[in-house]
PDB file of N, CA and C in Angstrom:
ATOM      1  N   MET A   1       0.969  -1.174   0.039  1.00  0.00           N
ATOM      2  CA  MET A   1       0.015  -0.086  -0.003  1.00  0.00           C
ATOM      3  C   MET A   1       0.967   1.246  -0.006  1.00  0.00           C
ATOM      4  N   GLY A   2       0.464   2.251  -0.660  1.00  0.00           N
ATOM      5  CA  GLY A   2       1.038   3.374  -0.733  1.00  0.00           C
ATOM      6  C   GLY A   2       0.032   4.639  -0.201  1.00  0.00           C
ATOM      7  N   PHE A   3       0.720   5.497   0.400  1.00  0.00           N
ATOM      8  CA  PHE A   3      -0.344   6.571   1.042  1.00  0.00           C
ATOM      9  C   PHE A   3      -0.716   7.485  -0.165  1.00  0.00           C
ATOM     10  N   PRO A   4       0.047   7.699  -1.008  1.00  0.00           N
ATOM     11  CA  PRO A   4      -0.653   8.431  -2.125  1.00  0.00           C
ATOM     12  C   PRO A   4      -1.865   7.855  -2.951  1.00  0.00           C
ATOM     13  N   ASP A   5      -1.709   6.511  -3.211  1.00  0.00           N
ATOM     14  CA  ASP A   5      -3.039   5.918  -3.578  1.00  0.00           C
ATOM     15  C   ASP A   5      -4.145   5.932  -2.891  1.00  0.00           C
ATOM     16  N   THR A   6      -3.706   5.861  -1.465  1.00  0.00           N
ATOM     17  CA  THR A   6      -4.921   5.617  -0.514  1.00  0.00           C
ATOM     18  C   THR A   6      -5.463   7.055  -0.216  1.00  0.00           C
ATOM     19  N   PHE A   7      -4.694   8.097  -0.031  1.00  0.00           N
ATOM     20  CA  PHE A   7      -5.370   9.230   0.014  1.00  0.00           C
ATOM     21  C   PHE A   7      -6.020   9.749  -1.281  1.00  0.00           C
ATOM     22  N   LYS A   8      -5.553   9.350  -2.545  1.00  0.00           N
ATOM     23  CA  LYS A   8      -6.242   9.893  -3.568  1.00  0.00           C
ATOM     24  C   LYS A   8      -7.538   9.111  -3.815  1.00  0.00           C
ATOM     25  N   ALA A   9      -7.530   7.594  -3.334  1.00  0.00           N
ATOM     26  CA  ALA A   9      -8.858   6.892  -3.228  1.00  0.00           C
ATOM     27  C   ALA A   9      -9.796   7.661  -2.387  1.00  0.00           C
ATOM     28  N   LEU A  10      -9.332   7.983  -1.071  1.00  0.00           N
ATOM     29  CA  LEU A  10     -10.217   8.618  -0.049  1.00  0.00           C
ATOM     30  C   LEU A  10     -10.723  10.037  -0.573  1.00  0.00           C
ATOM     31  N   SER A  11     -10.213  10.639  -1.417  1.00  0.00           N
ATOM     32  CA  SER A  11     -10.384  12.011  -1.862  1.00  0.00           C
ATOM     33  C   SER A  11     -11.819  12.242  -2.472  1.00  0.00           C
ATOM     34  N   ASP A  12     -12.259  10.940  -3.008  1.00  0.00           N
ATOM     35  CA  ASP A  12     -13.569  11.034  -3.896  1.00  0.00           C
ATOM     36  C   ASP A  12     -14.519  10.738  -2.944  1.00  0.00           C
ATOM     37  N   PRO A  13     -15.773  11.635  -3.107  1.00  0.00           N
ATOM     38  CA  PRO A  13     -17.078  11.373  -2.269  1.00  0.00           C
ATOM     39  C   PRO A  13     -17.751  10.028  -2.397  1.00  0.00           C
ATOM     40  N   VAL A  14     -17.730   9.453  -3.710  1.00  0.00           N
ATOM     41  CA  VAL A  14     -18.315   8.318  -4.167  1.00  0.00           C
ATOM     42  C   VAL A  14     -17.554   7.092  -3.526  1.00  0.00           C
ATOM     43  N   ARG A  15     -16.393   7.153  -3.425  1.00  0.00           N
ATOM     44  CA  ARG A  15     -15.515   6.165  -2.885  1.00  0.00           C
ATOM     45  C   ARG A  15     -15.687   6.217  -1.352  1.00  0.00           C
ATOM     46  N   ARG A  16     -15.758   7.357  -0.933  1.00  0.00           N
ATOM     47  CA  ARG A  16     -15.945   7.281   0.803  1.00  0.00           C
ATOM     48  C   ARG A  16     -17.261   6.666   1.080  1.00  0.00           C
ATOM     49  N   GLU A  17     -18.385   6.893   0.226  1.00  0.00           N
ATOM     50  CA  GLU A  17     -19.669   6.390   0.333  1.00  0.00           C
ATOM     51  C   GLU A  17     -19.513   4.832   0.167  1.00  0.00           C
ATOM     52  N   ILE A  18     -19.002   4.390  -0.796  1.00  0.00           N
ATOM     53  CA  ILE A  18     -18.872   2.951  -1.041  1.00  0.00           C
ATOM     54  C   ILE A  18     -18.212   2.386   0.556  1.00  0.00           C
ATOM     55  N   LEU A  19     -17.024   3.028   0.931  1.00  0.00           N
ATOM     56  CA  LEU A  19     -16.327   2.626   2.210  1.00  0.00           C
ATOM     57  C   LEU A  19     -17.474   2.567   3.213  1.00  0.00           C
ATOM     58  N   SER A  20     -18.125   3.585   3.334  1.00  0.00           N
ATOM     59  CA  SER A  20     -19.298   3.553   4.393  1.00  0.00           C
ATOM     60  C   SER A  20     -20.037   2.538   4.476  1.00  0.00           C
ATOM     61  N   MET A  21     -20.592   1.968   3.135  1.00  0.00           N
ATOM     62  CA  MET A  21     -21.550   1.100   2.850  1.00  0.00           C
ATOM     63  C   MET A  21     -20.882  -0.375   3.431  1.00  0.00           C
ATOM     64  N   LEU A  22     -19.728  -0.380   3.072  1.00  0.00           N
ATOM     65  CA  LEU A  22     -18.873  -1.560   3.430  1.00  0.00           C
ATOM     66  C   LEU A  22     -18.708  -1.901   4.804  1.00  0.00           C
ATOM     67  N   LYS A  23     -18.905  -0.972   5.800  1.00  0.00           N
ATOM     68  CA  LYS A  23     -18.914  -0.932   7.177  1.00  0.00           C
ATOM     69  C   LYS A  23     -19.711  -2.049   7.740  1.00  0.00           C
ATOM     70  N   LYS A  24     -20.717  -1.969   7.149  1.00  0.00           N
ATOM     71  CA  LYS A  24     -21.707  -2.724   7.562  1.00  0.00           C
ATOM     72  C   LYS A  24     -21.633  -4.279   7.069  1.00  0.00           C
ATOM     73  N   GLY A  25     -20.683  -4.675   6.251  1.00  0.00           N
ATOM     74  CA  GLY A  25     -20.393  -6.086   5.759  1.00  0.00           C
ATOM     75  C   GLY A  25     -20.256  -6.026   4.191  1.00  0.00           C
ATOM     76  N   ARG A  26     -19.964  -7.040   3.896  1.00  0.00           N
ATOM     77  CA  ARG A  26     -19.589  -7.291   2.431  1.00  0.00           C
ATOM     78  C   ARG A  26     -20.669  -7.076   1.691  1.00  0.00           C
ATOM     79  N   LEU A  27     -20.417  -6.548   0.270  1.00  0.00           N
ATOM     80  CA  LEU A  27     -21.454  -6.326  -0.535  1.00  0.00           C
ATOM     81  C   LEU A  27     -21.177  -6.641  -2.016  1.00  0.00           C
ATOM     82  N   SER A  28     -22.257  -6.945  -2.927  1.00  0.00           N
ATOM     83  CA  SER A  28     -21.642  -7.433  -4.205  1.00  0.00           C
ATOM     84  C   SER A  28     -21.706  -6.078  -5.039  1.00  0.00           C
ATOM     85  N   ALA A  29     -21.195  -6.250  -6.278  1.00  0.00           N
ATOM     86  CA  ALA A  29     -20.972  -4.865  -7.102  1.00  0.00           C
ATOM     87  C   ALA A  29     -22.274  -4.487  -7.406  1.00  0.00           C
ATOM     88  N   GLY A  30     -23.302  -5.353  -7.548  1.00  0.00           N
ATOM     89  CA  GLY A  30     -24.753  -4.992  -7.819  1.00  0.00           C
ATOM     90  C   GLY A  30     -25.269  -4.067  -6.760  1.00  0.00           C
ATOM     91  N   ASP A  31     -24.992  -4.617  -5.635  1.00  0.00           N
ATOM     92  CA  ASP A  31     -25.631  -4.186  -4.302  1.00  0.00           C
ATOM     93  C   ASP A  31     -25.111  -2.697  -4.270  1.00  0.00           C
ATOM     94  N   ILE A  32     -23.753  -2.618  -4.426  1.00  0.00           N
ATOM     95  CA  ILE A  32     -23.186  -1.206  -4.431  1.00  0.00           C
ATOM     96  C   ILE A  32     -23.634  -0.280  -5.520  1.00  0.00           C
ATOM     97  N   ALA A  33     -23.812  -0.908  -6.597  1.00  0.00           N
ATOM     98  CA  ALA A  33     -24.249  -0.181  -7.747  1.00  0.00           C
ATOM     99  C   ALA A  33     -25.743   0.548  -7.525  1.00  0.00           C
ATOM    100  N   SER A  34     -26.364  -0.369  -6.813  1.00  0.00           N
ATOM    101  CA  SER A  34     -27.859  -0.118  -6.747  1.00  0.00           C
ATOM    102  C   SER A  34     -28.042   1.312  -5.899  1.00  0.00           C
ATOM    103  N   HIS A  35     -27.102   1.793  -5.276  1.00  0.00           N
ATOM    104  CA  HIS A  35     -27.030   2.737  -4.224  1.00  0.00           C
ATOM    105  C   HIS A  35     -26.762   3.978  -4.938  1.00  0.00           C
ATOM    106  N   PHE A  36     -26.308   3.929  -6.257  1.00  0.00           N
ATOM    107  CA  PHE A  36     -25.813   5.315  -7.050  1.00  0.00           C
ATOM    108  C   PHE A  36     -26.677   5.336  -8.463  1.00  0.00           C
ATOM    109  N   ASP A  37     -26.779   6.581  -8.902  1.00  0.00           N
ATOM    110  CA  ASP A  37     -27.251   6.884 -10.104  1.00  0.00           C
ATOM    111  C   ASP A  37     -26.124   7.153 -11.253  1.00  0.00           C
ATOM    112  N   MET A  38     -25.265   5.966 -11.428  1.00  0.00           N
ATOM    113  CA  MET A  38     -24.365   5.960 -12.263  1.00  0.00           C
ATOM    114  C   MET A  38     -24.218   4.539 -13.110  1.00  0.00           C
ATOM    115  N   THR A  39     -23.513   4.675 -14.084  1.00  0.00           N
ATOM    116  CA  THR A  39     -23.320   3.342 -14.795  1.00  0.00           C
ATOM    117  C   THR A  39     -22.558   2.296 -14.175  1.00  0.00           C
ATOM    118  N   GLY A  40     -22.812   1.174 -14.525  1.00  0.00           N
ATOM    119  CA  GLY A  40     -22.081   0.003 -13.783  1.00  0.00           C
ATOM    120  C   GLY A  40     -20.465   0.245 -14.113  1.00  0.00           C
ATOM    121  N   ALA A  41     -20.048   0.756 -15.279  1.00  0.00           N
ATOM    122  CA  ALA A  41     -18.604   0.905 -15.537  1.00  0.00           C
ATOM    123  C   ALA A  41     -18.182   1.884 -14.563  1.00  0.00           C
ATOM    124  N   THR A  42     -18.898   3.060 -14.337  1.00  0.00           N
ATOM    125  CA  THR A  42     -18.370   4.084 -13.231  1.00  0.00           C
ATOM    126  C   THR A  42     -18.074   3.339 -11.903  1.00  0.00           C
ATOM    127  N   VAL A  43     -19.109   2.684 -11.419  1.00  0.00           N
ATOM    128  CA  VAL A  43     -19.109   1.970 -10.126  1.00  0.00           C
ATOM    129  C   VAL A  43     -17.736   1.098 -10.197  1.00  0.00           C
ATOM    130  N   SER A  44     -17.458   0.253 -11.232  1.00  0.00           N
ATOM    131  CA  SER A  44     -16.490  -0.569 -11.528  1.00  0.00           C
ATOM    132  C   SER A  44     -15.178   0.168 -11.307  1.00  0.00           C
ATOM    133  N   TYR A  45     -15.108   1.387 -11.965  1.00  0.00           N
ATOM    134  CA  TYR A  45     -13.986   2.044 -11.878  1.00  0.00           C
ATOM    135  C   TYR A  45     -13.492   2.565 -10.399  1.00  0.00           C
ATOM    136  N   HIS A  46     -14.617   2.984  -9.764  1.00  0.00           N
ATOM    137  CA  HIS A  46     -14.242   3.351  -8.217  1.00  0.00           C
ATOM    138  C   HIS A  46     -13.748   2.115  -7.443  1.00  0.00           C
ATOM    139  N   LEU A  47     -14.439   1.019  -7.549  1.00  0.00           N
ATOM    140  CA  LEU A  47     -14.057  -0.084  -6.990  1.00  0.00           C
ATOM    141  C   LEU A  47     -12.684  -0.349  -7.465  1.00  0.00           C
ATOM    142  N   LYS A  48     -12.468  -0.292  -8.520  1.00  0.00           N
ATOM    143  CA  LYS A  48     -11.029  -0.550  -9.076  1.00  0.00           C
ATOM    144  C   LYS A  48     -10.031   0.249  -8.139  1.00  0.00           C
ATOM    145  N   GLN A  49     -10.270   1.673  -7.995  1.00  0.00           N
ATOM    146  CA  GLN A  49      -9.363   2.536  -7.490  1.00  0.00           C
ATOM    147  C   GLN A  49      -9.343   2.168  -5.976  1.00  0.00           C
ATOM    148  N   LEU A  50     -10.394   1.747  -5.433  1.00  0.00           N
ATOM    149  CA  LEU A  50     -10.296   1.370  -4.032  1.00  0.00           C
ATOM    150  C   LEU A  50      -9.443   0.038  -3.737  1.00  0.00           C
ATOM    151  N   LYS A  51      -9.589  -0.828  -4.606  1.00  0.00           N
ATOM    152  CA  LYS A  51      -8.638  -1.952  -4.633  1.00  0.00           C
ATOM    153  C   LYS A  51      -7.319  -1.520  -4.829  1.00  0.00           C
ATOM    154  N   LYS A  52      -6.881  -0.778  -5.676  1.00  0.00           N
ATOM    155  CA  LYS A  52      -5.608  -0.424  -5.948  1.00  0.00           C
ATOM    156  C   LYS A  52      -4.980   0.265  -4.862  1.00  0.00           C
ATOM    157  N   ALA A  53      -5.702   0.990  -3.835  1.00  0.00           N
ATOM    158  CA  ALA A  53      -5.248   1.473  -2.569  1.00  0.00           C
ATOM    159  C   ALA A  53      -5.367   0.540  -1.395  1.00  0.00           C
ATOM    160  N   ASP A  54      -5.763  -0.857  -1.911  1.00  0.00           N
ATOM    161  CA  ASP A  54      -5.980  -1.820  -0.715  1.00  0.00           C
ATOM    162  C   ASP A  54      -6.957  -1.394   0.307  1.00  0.00           C
ATOM    163  N   LEU A  55      -7.791  -0.578  -0.040  1.00  0.00           N
ATOM    164  CA  LEU A  55      -8.802  -0.183   1.087  1.00  0.00           C
ATOM    165  C   LEU A  55      -9.896  -1.339   1.018  1.00  0.00           C
ATOM    166  N   ILE A  56      -9.971  -2.082  -0.180  1.00  0.00           N
ATOM    167  CA  ILE A  56     -11.123  -3.119  -0.149  1.00  0.00           C
ATOM    168  C   ILE A  56     -10.472  -4.436  -0.958  1.00  0.00           C
ATOM    169  N   TYR A  57     -10.941  -5.326  -0.531  1.00  0.00           N
ATOM    170  CA  TYR A  57     -10.572  -6.655  -1.374  1.00  0.00           C
ATOM    171  C   TYR A  57     -11.782  -7.282  -1.747  1.00  0.00           C
ATOM    172  N   GLU A  58     -11.691  -8.158  -2.945  1.00  0.00           N
ATOM    173  CA  GLU A  58     -12.843  -9.046  -3.335  1.00  0.00           C
ATOM    174  C   GLU A  58     -12.667 -10.501  -3.209  1.00  0.00           C
ATOM    175  N   SER A  59     -13.606 -11.011  -3.191  1.00  0.00           N
ATOM    176  CA  SER A  59     -13.732 -12.474  -2.952  1.00  0.00           C
ATOM    177  C   SER A  59     -14.874 -12.922  -3.803  1.00  0.00           C
ATOM    178  N   LYS A  60     -14.533 -14.084  -4.804  1.00  0.00           N
ATOM    179  CA  LYS A  60     -15.549 -14.647  -5.640  1.00  0.00           C
ATOM    180  C   LYS A  60     -16.400 -15.908  -5.109  1.00  0.00           C
ATOM    181  N   GLU A  61     -17.543 -15.827  -5.197  1.00  0.00           N
ATOM    182  CA  GLU A  61     -18.422 -16.944  -4.846  1.00  0.00           C
ATOM    183  C   GLU A  61     -19.283 -17.176  -5.898  1.00  0.00           C
ATOM    184  N   LYS A  62     -19.445 -18.314  -6.513  1.00  0.00           N
ATOM    185  CA  LYS A  62     -20.125 -18.637  -7.602  1.00  0.00           C
ATOM    186  C   LYS A  62     -20.031 -17.599  -8.729  1.00  0.00           C
ATOM    187  N   ASN A  63     -21.171 -17.058  -9.005  1.00  0.00           N
ATOM    188  CA  ASN A  63     -21.085 -15.947 -10.219  1.00  0.00           C
ATOM    189  C   ASN A  63     -21.097 -14.518  -9.517  1.00  0.00           C
ATOM    190  N   PHE A  64     -20.669 -14.368  -8.138  1.00  0.00           N
ATOM    191  CA  PHE A  64     -20.633 -12.971  -7.846  1.00  0.00           C
ATOM    192  C   PHE A  64     -19.385 -12.777  -7.300  1.00  0.00           C
ATOM    193  N   ILE A  65     -19.039 -11.351  -7.286  1.00  0.00           N
ATOM    194  CA  ILE A  65     -17.869 -10.762  -6.507  1.00  0.00           C
ATOM    195  C   ILE A  65     -18.409  -9.917  -5.613  1.00  0.00           C
ATOM    196  N   TYR A  66     -17.897 -10.268  -4.267  1.00  0.00           N
ATOM    197  CA  TYR A  66     -18.224  -9.445  -3.088  1.00  0.00           C
ATOM    198  C   TYR A  66     -17.004  -8.585  -2.733  1.00  0.00           C
ATOM    199  N   TYR A  67     -17.341  -7.420  -2.147  1.00  0.00           N
ATOM    200  CA  TYR A  67     -16.225  -6.586  -1.707  1.00  0.00           C
ATOM    201  C   TYR A  67     -16.360  -6.291  -0.295  1.00  0.00           C
ATOM    202  N   SER A  68     -15.128  -6.240   0.349  1.00  0.00           N
ATOM    203  CA  SER A  68     -15.140  -6.001   1.818  1.00  0.00           C
ATOM    204  C   SER A  68     -14.217  -5.063   2.265  1.00  0.00           C
ATOM    205  N   LEU A  69     -14.160  -4.470   3.480  1.00  0.00           N
ATOM    206  CA  LEU A  69     -13.054  -3.622   3.903  1.00  0.00           C
ATOM    207  C   LEU A  69     -11.728  -4.352   4.291  1.00  0.00           C
ATOM    208  N   ASN A  70     -10.678  -3.754   3.956  1.00  0.00           N
ATOM    209  CA  ASN A  70      -9.503  -4.052   4.231  1.00  0.00           C
ATOM    210  C   ASN A  70      -9.040  -3.312   5.553  1.00  0.00           C
ATOM    211  N   THR A  71      -9.540  -3.752   6.585  1.00  0.00           N
ATOM    212  CA  THR A  71      -9.273  -2.836   7.819  1.00  0.00           C
ATOM    213  C   THR A  71      -7.790  -2.425   8.321  1.00  0.00           C
ATOM    214  N   SER A  72      -6.861  -3.603   7.731  1.00  0.00           N
ATOM    215  CA  SER A  72      -5.332  -3.280   8.257  1.00  0.00           C
ATOM    216  C   SER A  72      -5.034  -2.126   7.597  1.00  0.00           C
ATOM    217  N   VAL A  73      -5.320  -1.590   6.504  1.00  0.00           N
ATOM    218  CA  VAL A  73      -5.029  -0.272   5.762  1.00  0.00           C
ATOM    219  C   VAL A  73      -5.353   0.783   6.653  1.00  0.00           C
ATOM    220  N   PHE A  74      -6.718   0.753   7.245  1.00  0.00           N
ATOM    221  CA  PHE A  74      -7.315   1.901   8.169  1.00  0.00           C
ATOM    222  C   PHE A  74      -6.539   2.022   9.139  1.00  0.00           C
ATOM    223  N   GLU A  75      -5.874   0.909   9.864  1.00  0.00           N
ATOM    224  CA  GLU A  75      -5.193   0.762  11.067  1.00  0.00           C
ATOM    225  C   GLU A  75      -3.843   1.425  10.872  1.00  0.00           C
ATOM    226  N   GLU A  76      -3.329   1.137   9.542  1.00  0.00           N
ATOM    227  CA  GLU A  76      -1.773   1.834   9.288  1.00  0.00           C
ATOM    228  C   GLU A  76      -2.164   3.321   9.102  1.00  0.00           C
ATOM    229  N   ILE A  77      -3.333   3.868   8.635  1.00  0.00           N
ATOM    230  CA  ILE A  77      -3.398   5.303   8.373  1.00  0.00           C
ATOM    231  C   ILE A  77      -3.644   6.041   9.784  1.00  0.00           C
ATOM    232  N   MET A  78      -4.429   5.112  10.757  1.00  0.00           N
ATOM    233  CA  MET A  78      -4.692   5.692  11.928  1.00  0.00           C
ATOM    234  C   MET A  78      -3.154   5.719  12.907  1.00  0.00           C
ATOM    235  N   LEU A  79      -2.398   4.694  12.865  1.00  0.00           N
ATOM    236  CA  LEU A  79      -1.114   4.759  13.390  1.00  0.00           C
ATOM    237  C   LEU A  79      -0.344   6.021  12.966  1.00  0.00           C
ATOM    238  N   TRP A  80      -0.366   6.227  11.426  1.00  0.00           N
ATOM    239  CA  TRP A  80       0.361   7.345  10.922  1.00  0.00           C
ATOM    240  C   TRP A  80      -0.118   8.527  11.589  1.00  0.00           C
ATOM    241  N   VAL A  81      -1.367   8.682  11.416  1.00  0.00           N
ATOM    242  CA  VAL A  81      -1.984   9.924  12.038  1.00  0.00           C
ATOM    243  C   VAL A  81      -1.825  10.247  13.331  1.00  0.00           C
ATOM    244  N   SER A  82      -1.852   9.102  14.147  1.00  0.00           N
ATOM    245  CA  SER A  82      -1.833   9.421  15.720  1.00  0.00           C
ATOM    246  C   SER A  82      -0.330  10.110  15.990  1.00  0.00           C
ATOM    247  N   GLN A  83       0.721   9.759  15.227  1.00  0.00           N
ATOM    248  CA  GLN A  83       1.976  10.490  15.645  1.00  0.00           C
ATOM    249  C   GLN A  83       1.867  11.962  15.595  1.00  0.00           C
ATOM    250  N   PHE A  84       0.755  12.593  15.110  1.00  0.00           N
ATOM    251  CA  PHE A  84       0.676  14.085  14.948  1.00  0.00           C
ATOM    252  C   PHE A  84      -0.180  14.400  16.187  1.00  0.00           C
ATOM    253  N   THR A  85      -0.935  13.580  16.903  1.00  0.00           N
ATOM    254  CA  THR A  85      -1.910  14.004  17.900  1.00  0.00           C
ATOM    255  C   THR A  85      -1.377  13.521  19.243  1.00  0.00           C
ATOM    256  N   GLY A  86      -0.308  12.864  19.384  1.00  0.00           N
ATOM    257  CA  GLY A  86       0.165  12.281  20.835  1.00  0.00           C
ATOM    258  C   GLY A  86       0.540  13.381  21.573  1.00  0.00           C
ATOM    259  N   SER A  87       0.647  13.267  23.006  1.00  0.00           N
ATOM    260  CA  SER A  87       1.017  14.276  23.761  1.00  0.00           C
ATOM    261  C   SER A  87       2.688  14.441  23.779  1.00  0.00           C
ATOM    262  N   SER A  88       3.179  13.348  23.273  1.00  0.00           N
ATOM    263  CA  SER A  88       4.720  13.350  23.260  1.00  0.00           C
ATOM    264  C   SER A  88       5.198  14.156  21.913  1.00  0.00           C
ATOM    265  N   HIS A  89       4.395  14.568  21.256  1.00  0.00           N
ATOM    266  CA  HIS A  89       4.685  15.415  20.077  1.00  0.00           C
ATOM    267  C   HIS A  89       4.117  16.768  20.165  1.00  0.00           C
ATOM    268  N   THR A  90       3.964  17.355  21.323  1.00  0.00           N
ATOM    269  CA  THR A  90       3.716  18.752  21.431  1.00  0.00           C
ATOM    270  C   THR A  90       4.701  19.509  21.080  1.00  0.00           C
ATOM    271  N   GLU A  91       4.480  21.062  20.890  1.00  0.00           N
ATOM    272  CA  GLU A  91       5.393  21.908  20.246  1.00  0.00           C
ATOM    273  C   GLU A  91       6.468  22.027  21.378  1.00  0.00           C
ATOM    274  N   GLU A  92       6.056  21.976  22.726  1.00  0.00           N
ATOM    275  CA  GLU A  92       7.040  22.349  23.868  1.00  0.00           C
ATOM    276  C   GLU A  92       8.090  20.975  23.609  1.00  0.00           C
ATOM    277  N   ASN A  93       7.478  19.670  23.551  1.00  0.00           N
ATOM    278  CA  ASN A  93       8.505  18.663  23.674  1.00  0.00           C
ATOM    279  C   ASN A  93       9.380  18.539  22.366  1.00  0.00           C
ATOM    280  N   TYR A  94       8.823  19.153  21.308  1.00  0.00           N
ATOM    281  CA  TYR A  94       9.516  19.140  20.113  1.00  0.00           C
ATOM    282  C   TYR A  94      10.846  20.113  20.241  1.00  0.00           C
ATOM    283  N   ASP A  95      10.519  21.241  20.787  1.00  0.00           N
ATOM    284  CA  ASP A  95      11.544  22.278  20.922  1.00  0.00           C
ATOM    285  C   ASP A  95      12.505  21.614  21.893  1.00  0.00           C
ATOM    286  N   GLU A  96      12.243  20.903  23.022  1.00  0.00           N
ATOM    287  CA  GLU A  96      13.144  20.212  24.039  1.00  0.00           C
ATOM    288  C   GLU A  96      13.967  19.028  23.198  1.00  0.00           C
ATOM    289  N   GLU A  97      13.412  18.287  22.432  1.00  0.00           N
ATOM    290  CA  GLU A  97      13.892  17.296  21.737  1.00  0.00           C
ATOM    291  C   GLU A  97      15.053  17.930  20.866  1.00  0.00           C
ATOM    292  N   ASN A  98      14.749  18.853  20.110  1.00  0.00           N
ATOM    293  CA  ASN A  98      15.674  19.801  19.084  1.00  0.00           C
ATOM    294  C   ASN A  98      16.700  20.341  19.828  1.00  0.00           C
ATOM    295  N   GLU A  99      16.594  20.812  21.091  1.00  0.00           N
ATOM    296  CA  GLU A  99      17.807  21.522  21.828  1.00  0.00           C
ATOM    297  C   GLU A  99      18.961  20.544  22.150  1.00  0.00           C
ATOM    298  N   GLU A 100      18.419  19.277  22.312  1.00  0.00           N
ATOM    299  CA  GLU A 100      19.504  18.274  22.635  1.00  0.00           C
ATOM    300  C   GLU A 100      20.363  18.022  21.479  1.00  0.00           C
ATOM    301  N   GLU A 101      20.133  18.293  20.363  1.00  0.00           N
ATOM    302  CA  GLU A 101      20.857  17.869  19.147  1.00  0.00           C
ATOM    303  C   GLU A 101      21.958  18.859  19.086  1.00  0.00           C
TER     304      GLU A 101
END
């Protein structure tokens, strides 16, 4: 996974809506498409972008493809973001750490 692909995928409101839908469990492409007023090809494009960013994965069952969230990528994002919100990274601590160098 690369952060550029992840953040690019997350920047689109349709893709964020698809991710929200998948919070409740896996869905088929048809189930996902039925929530949008767009062509199947457009929905397929959005799913492809989400897969490219490793935010979702697909599983095939008989004649259907189901999509699910890849929660490990969200955990990686949260860990990365948390470095900017922790108390050990306050401006005061940053100044103290840099004085020692």
